[in-house]
Amino acid sequence: MNTLPHFTHLLVLPHLRVHNANAVSSPLTHGFPSITAFLGLMWALERKTRAAGLDLEFGAVGVVCHDRQEQTTEGGFVKSFRLTRNPVGKDGSTAAIVEEGRIHLDLSVVLAVNAGAWDRDAQQHDLETILDLLQGMRIAGGTLLPATQAAASRHRPWLANFTGDSDDQAREFRKLRARLLPGSALVARDDLIDSRLDELRRQSPQATRLDAWLSLSRINWHYDAKANEGNGGWQNDRTKGSGWVVPIPVGYGALGELHDAGTVAHARDATTPFRFVESLYSMGEWIGPHRLHAAQDLLWYADSRPDEGLYRCRNDYRSVDTTL
């Protein structure tokens, strides 16, 4: 398994206002863009910075959400996406509606940067260049709205220096997480699947990891005859302190062998080897940045193992209490 790449700085792009981002993160999940979209943003931004003459290497990305507004119908238990109707066809008939989920976001993106000897006098110019490049990019399919004049300072990117010793790095991270409040950071909770699987197998030895994932993805109710001082009552498994746990896609798994570049018709890129894949799923948790103990808790990085057919996003967050 790959490990978190080395970095010298954390570049914070605070309070990005994203309009109409993709809320459908996978065939089975919705509510926030997939973490793969932010890794894709990181790599695309790195290519643009190198083309602009900046010698920067981005190795990991963290996401903190400050506000969200999923575009769904209001009221009622069951909601549906607000969809746009396509223009009429050539014959004047109504075109089909394409199911799309959209969401407005206020989020901060944290990039792990390996810059070597980064001259302090050049840093401000480089940050402005990066922000200018970002303005012309899509974030999870959404449009980045420009900051208003009154809020320009709030949206200005800034750097945290991690070139010092462990004490200096801890101090820098405490400052960083304080500036990211209020908000919620997405971290990985793969460990919850193992815990839930052990619990299910005590009742049903045939339980699988899919059963554990589905069990964690919903609120499970059961009748407890001993509840309410022996009068009985319905209880659910989302106990106090269990956290804001959500199902998330974490990358892709291969469905077949790797095909040589240009051998698959209609592939988007004819110069890169091609492979059919499907989404991989795990569990994540939204937590306050003040509960993060180190930069590694926040950052997501790529873990590619082509020989095993796995292309995963990893996060090294470790909870003090792993029970659910």
C-alpha atoms as a PDB file:
ATOM      1  CA  MET A   1       0.000   0.000   0.000  1.00  0.00           C
ATOM      2  CA  ASN A   2       1.228   3.496  -0.837  1.00  0.00           C
ATOM      3  CA  THR A   3       1.858   6.042   1.906  1.00  0.00           C
ATOM      4  CA  LEU A   4       1.206   9.750   2.179  1.00  0.00           C
ATOM      5  CA  PRO A   5       3.714  11.566  -0.078  1.00  0.00           C
ATOM      6  CA  HIS A   6       6.259  13.901   1.491  1.00  0.00           C
ATOM      7  CA  PHE A   7       5.224  17.551   1.617  1.00  0.00           C
ATOM      8  CA  THR A   8       6.818  20.800   2.788  1.00  0.00           C
ATOM      9  CA  HIS A   9       3.778  23.083   2.858  1.00  0.00           C
ATOM     10  CA  LEU A  10       0.019  22.935   3.078  1.00  0.00           C
ATOM     11  CA  LEU A  11      -1.655  25.286   0.610  1.00  0.00           C
ATOM     12  CA  VAL A  12      -5.123  26.323   1.781  1.00  0.00           C
ATOM     13  CA  LEU A  13      -7.691  27.549  -0.736  1.00  0.00           C
ATOM     14  CA  PRO A  14     -10.343  28.811   1.696  1.00  0.00           C
ATOM     15  CA  HIS A  15     -14.075  29.255   1.252  1.00  0.00           C
ATOM     16  CA  LEU A  16     -14.388  28.377  -2.415  1.00  0.00           C
ATOM     17  CA  ARG A  17     -17.964  29.036  -3.551  1.00  0.00           C
ATOM     18  CA  VAL A  18     -18.855  26.285  -6.015  1.00  0.00           C
ATOM     19  CA  HIS A  19     -22.085  26.499  -8.002  1.00  0.00           C
ATOM     20  CA  ASN A  20     -23.831  23.377  -9.346  1.00  0.00           C
ATOM     21  CA  ALA A  21     -21.204  20.776  -8.440  1.00  0.00           C
ATOM     22  CA  ASN A  22     -22.036  17.117  -9.017  1.00  0.00           C
ATOM     23  CA  ALA A  23     -23.956  15.790  -6.013  1.00  0.00           C
ATOM     24  CA  VAL A  24     -24.133  12.207  -7.361  1.00  0.00           C
ATOM     25  CA  SER A  25     -20.806  10.816  -6.196  1.00  0.00           C
ATOM     26  CA  SER A  26     -21.355   7.245  -7.461  1.00  0.00           C
ATOM     27  CA  PRO A  27     -24.119   4.905  -8.692  1.00  0.00           C
ATOM     28  CA  LEU A  28     -25.100   4.273  -5.053  1.00  0.00           C
ATOM     29  CA  THR A  29     -24.321   7.500  -3.151  1.00  0.00           C
ATOM     30  CA  HIS A  30     -25.136  11.191  -3.317  1.00  0.00           C
ATOM     31  CA  GLY A  31     -25.011  14.321  -1.175  1.00  0.00           C
ATOM     32  CA  PHE A  32     -21.409  15.455  -1.790  1.00  0.00           C
ATOM     33  CA  PRO A  33     -18.902  15.080  -4.641  1.00  0.00           C
ATOM     34  CA  SER A  34     -16.633  12.043  -4.570  1.00  0.00           C
ATOM     35  CA  ILE A  35     -13.149  12.483  -3.114  1.00  0.00           C
ATOM     36  CA  THR A  36     -11.851  11.290  -6.499  1.00  0.00           C
ATOM     37  CA  ALA A  37     -13.120  14.574  -7.953  1.00  0.00           C
ATOM     38  CA  PHE A  38     -10.847  16.529  -5.622  1.00  0.00           C
ATOM     39  CA  LEU A  39      -7.832  14.347  -6.394  1.00  0.00           C
ATOM     40  CA  GLY A  40      -8.580  14.973 -10.075  1.00  0.00           C
ATOM     41  CA  LEU A  41      -8.734  18.711  -9.372  1.00  0.00           C
ATOM     42  CA  MET A  42      -5.358  18.499  -7.616  1.00  0.00           C
ATOM     43  CA  TRP A  43      -3.659  16.773 -10.552  1.00  0.00           C
ATOM     44  CA  ALA A  44      -5.223  19.100 -13.117  1.00  0.00           C
ATOM     45  CA  LEU A  45      -4.113  22.139 -11.106  1.00  0.00           C
ATOM     46  CA  GLU A  46      -0.579  20.737 -10.812  1.00  0.00           C
ATOM     47  CA  ARG A  47      -0.357  20.397 -14.602  1.00  0.00           C
ATOM     48  CA  LYS A  48      -1.491  23.993 -15.025  1.00  0.00           C
ATOM     49  CA  THR A  49       0.991  25.317 -12.460  1.00  0.00           C
ATOM     50  CA  ARG A  50       3.864  23.504 -14.149  1.00  0.00           C
ATOM     51  CA  ALA A  51       2.795  24.928 -17.513  1.00  0.00           C
ATOM     52  CA  ALA A  52       2.842  28.374 -15.849  1.00  0.00           C
ATOM     53  CA  GLY A  53       6.467  27.822 -14.775  1.00  0.00           C
ATOM     54  CA  LEU A  54       5.906  26.937 -11.101  1.00  0.00           C
ATOM     55  CA  ASP A  55       8.000  24.034  -9.817  1.00  0.00           C
ATOM     56  CA  LEU A  56       5.415  22.606  -7.409  1.00  0.00           C
ATOM     57  CA  GLU A  57       4.376  19.030  -6.716  1.00  0.00           C
ATOM     58  CA  PHE A  58       0.950  18.282  -5.227  1.00  0.00           C
ATOM     59  CA  GLY A  59       0.697  14.964  -3.388  1.00  0.00           C
ATOM     60  CA  ALA A  60      -2.519  14.949  -1.350  1.00  0.00           C
ATOM     61  CA  VAL A  61      -5.723  16.890  -0.812  1.00  0.00           C
ATOM     62  CA  GLY A  62      -8.041  17.612   2.110  1.00  0.00           C
ATOM     63  CA  VAL A  63     -11.619  18.880   1.960  1.00  0.00           C
ATOM     64  CA  VAL A  64     -13.504  20.908   4.581  1.00  0.00           C
ATOM     65  CA  CYS A  65     -17.148  21.751   3.887  1.00  0.00           C
ATOM     66  CA  HIS A  66     -18.500  24.934   5.475  1.00  0.00           C
ATOM     67  CA  ASP A  67     -21.934  24.968   3.859  1.00  0.00           C
ATOM     68  CA  ARG A  68     -23.917  22.954   1.324  1.00  0.00           C
ATOM     69  CA  GLN A  69     -27.228  23.261  -0.491  1.00  0.00           C
ATOM     70  CA  GLU A  70     -28.227  20.184  -2.446  1.00  0.00           C
ATOM     71  CA  GLN A  71     -30.681  21.080  -5.198  1.00  0.00           C
ATOM     72  CA  THR A  72     -33.646  18.896  -4.209  1.00  0.00           C
ATOM     73  CA  THR A  73     -37.370  19.466  -3.806  1.00  0.00           C
ATOM     74  CA  GLU A  74     -38.381  20.926  -0.463  1.00  0.00           C
ATOM     75  CA  GLY A  75     -40.689  19.263   2.055  1.00  0.00           C
ATOM     76  CA  GLY A  76     -41.705  15.661   2.535  1.00  0.00           C
ATOM     77  CA  PHE A  77     -39.719  12.605   3.543  1.00  0.00           C
ATOM     78  CA  VAL A  78     -38.872  11.570  -0.022  1.00  0.00           C
ATOM     79  CA  LYS A  79     -37.068  14.227  -2.062  1.00  0.00           C
ATOM     80  CA  SER A  80     -36.029  14.364  -5.700  1.00  0.00           C
ATOM     81  CA  PHE A  81     -33.433  16.369  -7.608  1.00  0.00           C
ATOM     82  CA  ARG A  82     -34.421  19.605  -9.291  1.00  0.00           C
ATOM     83  CA  LEU A  83     -33.853  18.741 -12.924  1.00  0.00           C
ATOM     84  CA  THR A  84     -33.568  20.912 -16.008  1.00  0.00           C
ATOM     85  CA  ARG A  85     -35.555  20.120 -19.131  1.00  0.00           C
ATOM     86  CA  ASN A  86     -33.473  19.788 -22.287  1.00  0.00           C
ATOM     87  CA  PRO A  87     -34.371  21.787 -25.426  1.00  0.00           C
ATOM     88  CA  VAL A  88     -36.880  20.232 -27.800  1.00  0.00           C
ATOM     89  CA  GLY A  89     -35.636  17.876 -30.509  1.00  0.00           C
ATOM     90  CA  LYS A  90     -35.338  18.636 -34.208  1.00  0.00           C
ATOM     91  CA  ASP A  91     -38.896  17.423 -34.753  1.00  0.00           C
ATOM     92  CA  GLY A  92     -40.222  19.632 -31.971  1.00  0.00           C
ATOM     93  CA  SER A  93     -40.813  16.789 -29.525  1.00  0.00           C
ATOM     94  CA  THR A  94     -39.786  17.038 -25.876  1.00  0.00           C
ATOM     95  CA  ALA A  95     -36.351  15.614 -25.173  1.00  0.00           C
ATOM     96  CA  ALA A  96     -35.780  13.200 -22.311  1.00  0.00           C
ATOM     97  CA  ILE A  97     -34.750  14.554 -18.921  1.00  0.00           C
ATOM     98  CA  VAL A  98     -31.247  13.474 -17.937  1.00  0.00           C
ATOM     99  CA  GLU A  99     -31.109  12.693 -14.214  1.00  0.00           C
ATOM    100  CA  GLU A 100     -28.486  14.938 -12.655  1.00  0.00           C
ATOM    101  CA  GLY A 101     -27.808  15.914  -9.065  1.00  0.00           C
ATOM    102  CA  ARG A 102     -26.442  19.363  -8.312  1.00  0.00           C
ATOM    103  CA  ILE A 103     -25.191  20.999  -5.149  1.00  0.00           C
ATOM    104  CA  HIS A 104     -23.933  24.461  -4.152  1.00  0.00           C
ATOM    105  CA  LEU A 105     -20.895  24.341  -1.860  1.00  0.00           C
ATOM    106  CA  ASP A 106     -18.791  26.558   0.362  1.00  0.00           C
ATOM    107  CA  LEU A 107     -15.629  24.580   0.965  1.00  0.00           C
ATOM    108  CA  SER A 108     -11.929  24.866   1.684  1.00  0.00           C
ATOM    109  CA  VAL A 109      -9.438  22.732  -0.224  1.00  0.00           C
ATOM    110  CA  VAL A 110      -6.081  21.914   1.396  1.00  0.00           C
ATOM    111  CA  LEU A 111      -3.254  20.794  -0.902  1.00  0.00           C
ATOM    112  CA  ALA A 112      -0.072  19.082   0.298  1.00  0.00           C
ATOM    113  CA  VAL A 113       2.751  20.750  -1.630  1.00  0.00           C
ATOM    114  CA  ASN A 114       6.339  19.584  -2.035  1.00  0.00           C
ATOM    115  CA  ALA A 115       8.167  22.747  -3.084  1.00  0.00           C
ATOM    116  CA  GLY A 116      11.731  22.191  -1.939  1.00  0.00           C
ATOM    117  CA  ALA A 117      13.355  25.581  -1.351  1.00  0.00           C
ATOM    118  CA  TRP A 118      10.366  27.893  -1.868  1.00  0.00           C
ATOM    119  CA  ASP A 119      11.508  31.486  -1.736  1.00  0.00           C
ATOM    120  CA  ARG A 120       9.292  33.458   0.657  1.00  0.00           C
ATOM    121  CA  ASP A 121       9.343  36.517  -1.596  1.00  0.00           C
ATOM    122  CA  ALA A 122       7.976  34.432  -4.492  1.00  0.00           C
ATOM    123  CA  GLN A 123       5.287  32.668  -2.467  1.00  0.00           C
ATOM    124  CA  GLN A 124       2.691  35.443  -2.631  1.00  0.00           C
ATOM    125  CA  HIS A 125       3.078  35.800  -6.396  1.00  0.00           C
ATOM    126  CA  ASP A 126       2.795  32.019  -6.802  1.00  0.00           C
ATOM    127  CA  LEU A 127      -0.353  31.870  -4.663  1.00  0.00           C
ATOM    128  CA  GLU A 128      -2.002  34.552  -6.768  1.00  0.00           C
ATOM    129  CA  THR A 129      -1.032  32.638  -9.917  1.00  0.00           C
ATOM    130  CA  ILE A 130      -2.530  29.425  -8.518  1.00  0.00           C
ATOM    131  CA  LEU A 131      -5.774  31.201  -7.596  1.00  0.00           C
ATOM    132  CA  ASP A 132      -6.012  32.728 -11.079  1.00  0.00           C
ATOM    133  CA  LEU A 133      -5.533  29.282 -12.640  1.00  0.00           C
ATOM    134  CA  LEU A 134      -8.151  27.775 -10.339  1.00  0.00           C
ATOM    135  CA  GLN A 135     -10.735  30.386 -11.344  1.00  0.00           C
ATOM    136  CA  GLY A 136     -10.853  28.918 -14.841  1.00  0.00           C
ATOM    137  CA  MET A 137     -11.316  25.328 -13.672  1.00  0.00           C
ATOM    138  CA  ARG A 138     -14.274  23.149 -12.725  1.00  0.00           C
ATOM    139  CA  ILE A 139     -14.537  21.724  -9.224  1.00  0.00           C
ATOM    140  CA  ALA A 140     -16.435  18.415  -9.273  1.00  0.00           C
ATOM    141  CA  GLY A 141     -18.199  19.674 -12.387  1.00  0.00           C
ATOM    142  CA  GLY A 142     -19.244  22.906 -10.660  1.00  0.00           C
ATOM    143  CA  THR A 143     -18.376  26.505 -11.457  1.00  0.00           C
ATOM    144  CA  LEU A 144     -16.163  28.466  -9.078  1.00  0.00           C
ATOM    145  CA  LEU A 145     -17.830  31.784  -8.306  1.00  0.00           C
ATOM    146  CA  PRO A 146     -15.573  34.839  -7.899  1.00  0.00           C
ATOM    147  CA  ALA A 147     -15.202  36.314  -4.442  1.00  0.00           C
ATOM    148  CA  THR A 148     -16.926  39.598  -3.735  1.00  0.00           C
ATOM    149  CA  GLN A 149     -14.786  42.638  -3.030  1.00  0.00           C
ATOM    150  CA  ALA A 150     -15.938  42.732   0.589  1.00  0.00           C
ATOM    151  CA  ALA A 151     -14.975  39.072   1.184  1.00  0.00           C
ATOM    152  CA  ALA A 152     -11.753  39.044  -0.866  1.00  0.00           C
ATOM    153  CA  SER A 153      -9.485  38.604   2.167  1.00  0.00           C
ATOM    154  CA  ARG A 154     -11.528  35.633   3.373  1.00  0.00           C
ATOM    155  CA  HIS A 155     -10.994  33.855   0.051  1.00  0.00           C
ATOM    156  CA  ARG A 156      -7.274  34.619  -0.270  1.00  0.00           C
ATOM    157  CA  PRO A 157      -5.076  31.453  -0.310  1.00  0.00           C
ATOM    158  CA  TRP A 158      -2.430  31.014   2.342  1.00  0.00           C
ATOM    159  CA  LEU A 159       0.399  28.634   3.287  1.00  0.00           C
ATOM    160  CA  ALA A 160       1.292  26.602   6.346  1.00  0.00           C
ATOM    161  CA  ASN A 161       4.993  25.768   6.558  1.00  0.00           C
ATOM    162  CA  PHE A 162       5.803  22.154   7.488  1.00  0.00           C
ATOM    163  CA  THR A 163       9.586  22.267   7.018  1.00  0.00           C
ATOM    164  CA  GLY A 164      10.315  22.521  10.751  1.00  0.00           C
ATOM    165  CA  ASP A 165      10.617  19.819  13.419  1.00  0.00           C
ATOM    166  CA  SER A 166       7.678  17.849  14.813  1.00  0.00           C
ATOM    167  CA  ASP A 167       6.832  20.530  17.392  1.00  0.00           C
ATOM    168  CA  ASP A 168       6.814  23.243  14.728  1.00  0.00           C
ATOM    169  CA  GLN A 169       4.594  21.108  12.479  1.00  0.00           C
ATOM    170  CA  ALA A 170       2.153  20.409  15.315  1.00  0.00           C
ATOM    171  CA  ARG A 171       1.965  24.121  16.076  1.00  0.00           C
ATOM    172  CA  GLU A 172       1.364  24.966  12.400  1.00  0.00           C
ATOM    173  CA  PHE A 173      -1.400  22.392  12.142  1.00  0.00           C
ATOM    174  CA  ARG A 174      -3.169  23.694  15.241  1.00  0.00           C
ATOM    175  CA  LYS A 175      -3.250  27.144  13.642  1.00  0.00           C
ATOM    176  CA  LEU A 176      -4.464  25.686  10.358  1.00  0.00           C
ATOM    177  CA  ARG A 177      -7.336  23.674  11.807  1.00  0.00           C
ATOM    178  CA  ALA A 178      -8.503  26.680  13.854  1.00  0.00           C
ATOM    179  CA  ARG A 179      -8.738  28.777  10.680  1.00  0.00           C
ATOM    180  CA  LEU A 180     -10.847  26.068   9.018  1.00  0.00           C
ATOM    181  CA  LEU A 181     -13.608  26.386  11.624  1.00  0.00           C
ATOM    182  CA  PRO A 182     -16.557  26.241  11.481  1.00  0.00           C
ATOM    183  CA  GLY A 183     -16.780  23.338   9.087  1.00  0.00           C
ATOM    184  CA  SER A 184     -16.631  19.572   8.676  1.00  0.00           C
ATOM    185  CA  ALA A 185     -13.721  17.566   7.280  1.00  0.00           C
ATOM    186  CA  LEU A 186     -14.231  14.285   5.428  1.00  0.00           C
ATOM    187  CA  VAL A 187     -12.085  11.423   6.753  1.00  0.00           C
ATOM    188  CA  ALA A 188     -11.952   7.683   6.073  1.00  0.00           C
ATOM    189  CA  ARG A 189     -13.531   5.187   8.465  1.00  0.00           C
ATOM    190  CA  ASP A 190     -12.693   1.842   6.867  1.00  0.00           C
ATOM    191  CA  ASP A 191     -12.343   0.438  10.383  1.00  0.00           C
ATOM    192  CA  LEU A 192     -16.082   0.728  10.973  1.00  0.00           C
ATOM    193  CA  ILE A 193     -16.762  -1.906   8.314  1.00  0.00           C
ATOM    194  CA  ASP A 194     -14.553  -4.414  10.132  1.00  0.00           C
ATOM    195  CA  SER A 195     -16.260  -3.653  13.431  1.00  0.00           C
ATOM    196  CA  ARG A 196     -19.746  -3.969  11.969  1.00  0.00           C
ATOM    197  CA  LEU A 197     -18.802  -7.175  10.121  1.00  0.00           C
ATOM    198  CA  ASP A 198     -17.640  -8.791  13.392  1.00  0.00           C
ATOM    199  CA  GLU A 199     -20.922  -7.743  14.977  1.00  0.00           C
ATOM    200  CA  LEU A 200     -23.038  -9.160  12.147  1.00  0.00           C
ATOM    201  CA  ARG A 201     -21.133 -12.449  12.053  1.00  0.00           C
ATOM    202  CA  ARG A 202     -21.946 -13.064  15.698  1.00  0.00           C
ATOM    203  CA  GLN A 203     -25.579 -13.247  14.577  1.00  0.00           C
ATOM    204  CA  SER A 204     -25.080 -14.592  11.048  1.00  0.00           C
ATOM    205  CA  PRO A 205     -21.738 -16.268  10.152  1.00  0.00           C
ATOM    206  CA  GLN A 206     -22.507 -15.846   6.434  1.00  0.00           C
ATOM    207  CA  ALA A 207     -22.430 -12.042   6.608  1.00  0.00           C
ATOM    208  CA  THR A 208     -20.133 -10.320   4.110  1.00  0.00           C
ATOM    209  CA  ARG A 209     -18.397  -6.958   3.925  1.00  0.00           C
ATOM    210  CA  LEU A 210     -21.183  -5.779   1.628  1.00  0.00           C
ATOM    211  CA  ASP A 211     -23.711  -6.594   4.368  1.00  0.00           C
ATOM    212  CA  ALA A 212     -21.603  -4.584   6.819  1.00  0.00           C
ATOM    213  CA  TRP A 213     -21.396  -1.618   4.445  1.00  0.00           C
ATOM    214  CA  LEU A 214     -25.143  -1.650   3.805  1.00  0.00           C
ATOM    215  CA  SER A 215     -25.842  -1.924   7.522  1.00  0.00           C
ATOM    216  CA  LEU A 216     -23.661   1.131   8.209  1.00  0.00           C
ATOM    217  CA  SER A 217     -25.252   3.057   5.341  1.00  0.00           C
ATOM    218  CA  ARG A 218     -28.689   3.094   6.936  1.00  0.00           C
ATOM    219  CA  ILE A 219     -30.322   3.576  10.324  1.00  0.00           C
ATOM    220  CA  ASN A 220     -31.280   0.146  11.670  1.00  0.00           C
ATOM    221  CA  TRP A 221     -34.240  -0.066  14.079  1.00  0.00           C
ATOM    222  CA  HIS A 222     -35.026  -2.946  16.423  1.00  0.00           C
ATOM    223  CA  TYR A 223     -37.490  -3.563  19.218  1.00  0.00           C
ATOM    224  CA  ASP A 224     -35.939  -3.757  22.688  1.00  0.00           C
ATOM    225  CA  ALA A 225     -38.257  -5.305  25.268  1.00  0.00           C
ATOM    226  CA  LYS A 226     -36.021  -4.021  28.107  1.00  0.00           C
ATOM    227  CA  ALA A 227     -36.088  -0.385  27.028  1.00  0.00           C
ATOM    228  CA  ASN A 228     -38.093   2.335  28.808  1.00  0.00           C
ATOM    229  CA  GLU A 229     -37.764   0.681  32.198  1.00  0.00           C
ATOM    230  CA  GLY A 230     -39.049  -2.648  30.946  1.00  0.00           C
ATOM    231  CA  ASN A 231     -41.994  -1.283  28.977  1.00  0.00           C
ATOM    232  CA  GLY A 232     -40.244  -1.921  25.668  1.00  0.00           C
ATOM    233  CA  GLY A 233     -39.590   0.386  22.756  1.00  0.00           C
ATOM    234  CA  TRP A 234     -37.938   0.825  19.387  1.00  0.00           C
ATOM    235  CA  GLN A 235     -34.230   1.606  19.333  1.00  0.00           C
ATOM    236  CA  ASN A 236     -31.812   2.453  16.520  1.00  0.00           C
ATOM    237  CA  ASP A 237     -28.100   1.830  16.164  1.00  0.00           C
ATOM    238  CA  ARG A 238     -27.106   5.499  15.722  1.00  0.00           C
ATOM    239  CA  THR A 239     -26.297   6.029  19.368  1.00  0.00           C
ATOM    240  CA  LYS A 240     -25.093   9.313  20.827  1.00  0.00           C
ATOM    241  CA  GLY A 241     -21.446   9.875  19.943  1.00  0.00           C
ATOM    242  CA  SER A 242     -21.450   7.517  16.949  1.00  0.00           C
ATOM    243  CA  GLY A 243     -20.620  10.424  14.631  1.00  0.00           C
ATOM    244  CA  TRP A 244     -21.804  11.640  11.244  1.00  0.00           C
ATOM    245  CA  VAL A 245     -20.952   8.452   9.358  1.00  0.00           C
ATOM    246  CA  VAL A 246     -21.710   8.248   5.629  1.00  0.00           C
ATOM    247  CA  PRO A 247     -21.144   5.772   2.771  1.00  0.00           C
ATOM    248  CA  ILE A 248     -18.634   7.102   0.240  1.00  0.00           C
ATOM    249  CA  PRO A 249     -16.914   5.953  -2.977  1.00  0.00           C
ATOM    250  CA  VAL A 250     -13.149   5.692  -2.536  1.00  0.00           C
ATOM    251  CA  GLY A 251     -11.891   4.879  -6.026  1.00  0.00           C
ATOM    252  CA  TYR A 252     -12.193   2.171  -8.648  1.00  0.00           C
ATOM    253  CA  GLY A 253     -11.690  -1.566  -9.058  1.00  0.00           C
ATOM    254  CA  ALA A 254     -10.780  -3.221 -12.360  1.00  0.00           C
ATOM    255  CA  LEU A 255     -13.365  -5.302 -14.217  1.00  0.00           C
ATOM    256  CA  GLY A 256     -10.851  -6.731 -16.672  1.00  0.00           C
ATOM    257  CA  GLU A 257      -7.332  -6.561 -18.003  1.00  0.00           C
ATOM    258  CA  LEU A 258      -5.468  -3.409 -19.002  1.00  0.00           C
ATOM    259  CA  HIS A 259      -5.853  -2.607 -22.725  1.00  0.00           C
ATOM    260  CA  ASP A 260      -3.102  -0.984 -24.767  1.00  0.00           C
ATOM    261  CA  ALA A 261      -3.512   2.670 -25.668  1.00  0.00           C
ATOM    262  CA  GLY A 262      -5.680   3.228 -28.721  1.00  0.00           C
ATOM    263  CA  THR A 263      -7.099  -0.314 -28.835  1.00  0.00           C
ATOM    264  CA  VAL A 264     -10.503   0.538 -27.307  1.00  0.00           C
ATOM    265  CA  ALA A 265     -12.873   2.422 -29.583  1.00  0.00           C
ATOM    266  CA  HIS A 266     -14.289   5.767 -28.400  1.00  0.00           C
ATOM    267  CA  ALA A 267     -11.936   6.017 -25.410  1.00  0.00           C
ATOM    268  CA  ARG A 268     -11.433   9.598 -24.233  1.00  0.00           C
ATOM    269  CA  ASP A 269      -7.625   9.385 -24.411  1.00  0.00           C
ATOM    270  CA  ALA A 270      -6.029   7.365 -27.222  1.00  0.00           C
ATOM    271  CA  THR A 271      -2.501   7.703 -25.776  1.00  0.00           C
ATOM    272  CA  THR A 272      -3.130   6.151 -22.337  1.00  0.00           C
ATOM    273  CA  PRO A 273      -3.766   2.454 -21.535  1.00  0.00           C
ATOM    274  CA  PHE A 274      -7.453   1.753 -20.903  1.00  0.00           C
ATOM    275  CA  ARG A 275      -9.276  -0.350 -18.314  1.00  0.00           C
ATOM    276  CA  PHE A 276     -12.927  -0.927 -17.474  1.00  0.00           C
ATOM    277  CA  VAL A 277     -13.601  -0.289 -13.774  1.00  0.00           C
ATOM    278  CA  GLU A 278     -16.399   0.001 -11.232  1.00  0.00           C
ATOM    279  CA  SER A 279     -16.691   2.100  -8.075  1.00  0.00           C
ATOM    280  CA  LEU A 280     -15.200   0.956  -4.768  1.00  0.00           C
ATOM    281  CA  TYR A 281     -17.069   1.837  -1.587  1.00  0.00           C
ATOM    282  CA  SER A 282     -16.150   2.404   2.034  1.00  0.00           C
ATOM    283  CA  MET A 283     -17.326   4.530   4.944  1.00  0.00           C
ATOM    284  CA  GLY A 284     -16.395   8.109   5.763  1.00  0.00           C
ATOM    285  CA  GLU A 285     -17.105  10.474   8.605  1.00  0.00           C
ATOM    286  CA  TRP A 286     -17.624  14.229   8.756  1.00  0.00           C
ATOM    287  CA  ILE A 287     -15.843  15.648  11.787  1.00  0.00           C
ATOM    288  CA  GLY A 288     -14.876  19.101  12.994  1.00  0.00           C
ATOM    289  CA  PRO A 289     -11.306  20.118  12.052  1.00  0.00           C
ATOM    290  CA  HIS A 290     -10.590  20.763  15.741  1.00  0.00           C
ATOM    291  CA  ARG A 291     -10.785  16.991  16.268  1.00  0.00           C
ATOM    292  CA  LEU A 292      -7.935  16.311  13.836  1.00  0.00           C
ATOM    293  CA  HIS A 293      -4.595  15.632  15.495  1.00  0.00           C
ATOM    294  CA  ALA A 294      -2.215  15.890  12.526  1.00  0.00           C
ATOM    295  CA  ALA A 295      -2.164  16.831   8.853  1.00  0.00           C
ATOM    296  CA  GLN A 296      -2.255  13.121   7.963  1.00  0.00           C
ATOM    297  CA  ASP A 297      -5.754  12.919   9.469  1.00  0.00           C
ATOM    298  CA  LEU A 298      -7.064  15.423   6.925  1.00  0.00           C
ATOM    299  CA  LEU A 299      -5.253  14.523   3.707  1.00  0.00           C
ATOM    300  CA  TRP A 300      -6.332  12.042   1.006  1.00  0.00           C
ATOM    301  CA  TYR A 301      -3.822  10.546  -1.446  1.00  0.00           C
ATOM    302  CA  ALA A 302      -3.807   8.047  -4.306  1.00  0.00           C
ATOM    303  CA  ASP A 303      -3.001   4.375  -3.736  1.00  0.00           C
ATOM    304  CA  SER A 304      -2.733   2.711  -7.149  1.00  0.00           C
ATOM    305  CA  ARG A 305      -2.045  -1.019  -7.388  1.00  0.00           C
ATOM    306  CA  PRO A 306      -2.558  -1.942 -11.078  1.00  0.00           C
ATOM    307  CA  ASP A 307      -1.407  -5.540 -10.563  1.00  0.00           C
ATOM    308  CA  GLU A 308      -4.313  -6.020  -8.136  1.00  0.00           C
ATOM    309  CA  GLY A 309      -6.726  -3.919 -10.186  1.00  0.00           C
ATOM    310  CA  LEU A 310      -7.174  -1.357  -7.390  1.00  0.00           C
ATOM    311  CA  TYR A 311      -7.109   2.415  -7.775  1.00  0.00           C
ATOM    312  CA  ARG A 312      -8.002   3.778  -4.354  1.00  0.00           C
ATOM    313  CA  CYS A 313      -8.073   7.018  -2.424  1.00  0.00           C
ATOM    314  CA  ARG A 314      -6.512   6.683   1.038  1.00  0.00           C
ATOM    315  CA  ASN A 315      -6.752   8.703   4.220  1.00  0.00           C
ATOM    316  CA  ASP A 316      -4.789   7.920   7.393  1.00  0.00           C
ATOM    317  CA  TYR A 317      -7.271   9.200   9.978  1.00  0.00           C
ATOM    318  CA  ARG A 318      -7.389   7.096  13.134  1.00  0.00           C
ATOM    319  CA  SER A 319     -10.203   7.538  15.606  1.00  0.00           C
ATOM    320  CA  VAL A 320      -9.468   7.325  19.325  1.00  0.00           C
ATOM    321  CA  ASP A 321     -12.754   5.425  19.777  1.00  0.00           C
ATOM    322  CA  THR A 322     -13.494   3.112  16.817  1.00  0.00           C
ATOM    323  CA  THR A 323     -16.755   1.741  18.188  1.00  0.00           C
ATOM    324  CA  LEU A 324     -20.031   2.665  16.511  1.00  0.00           C
END
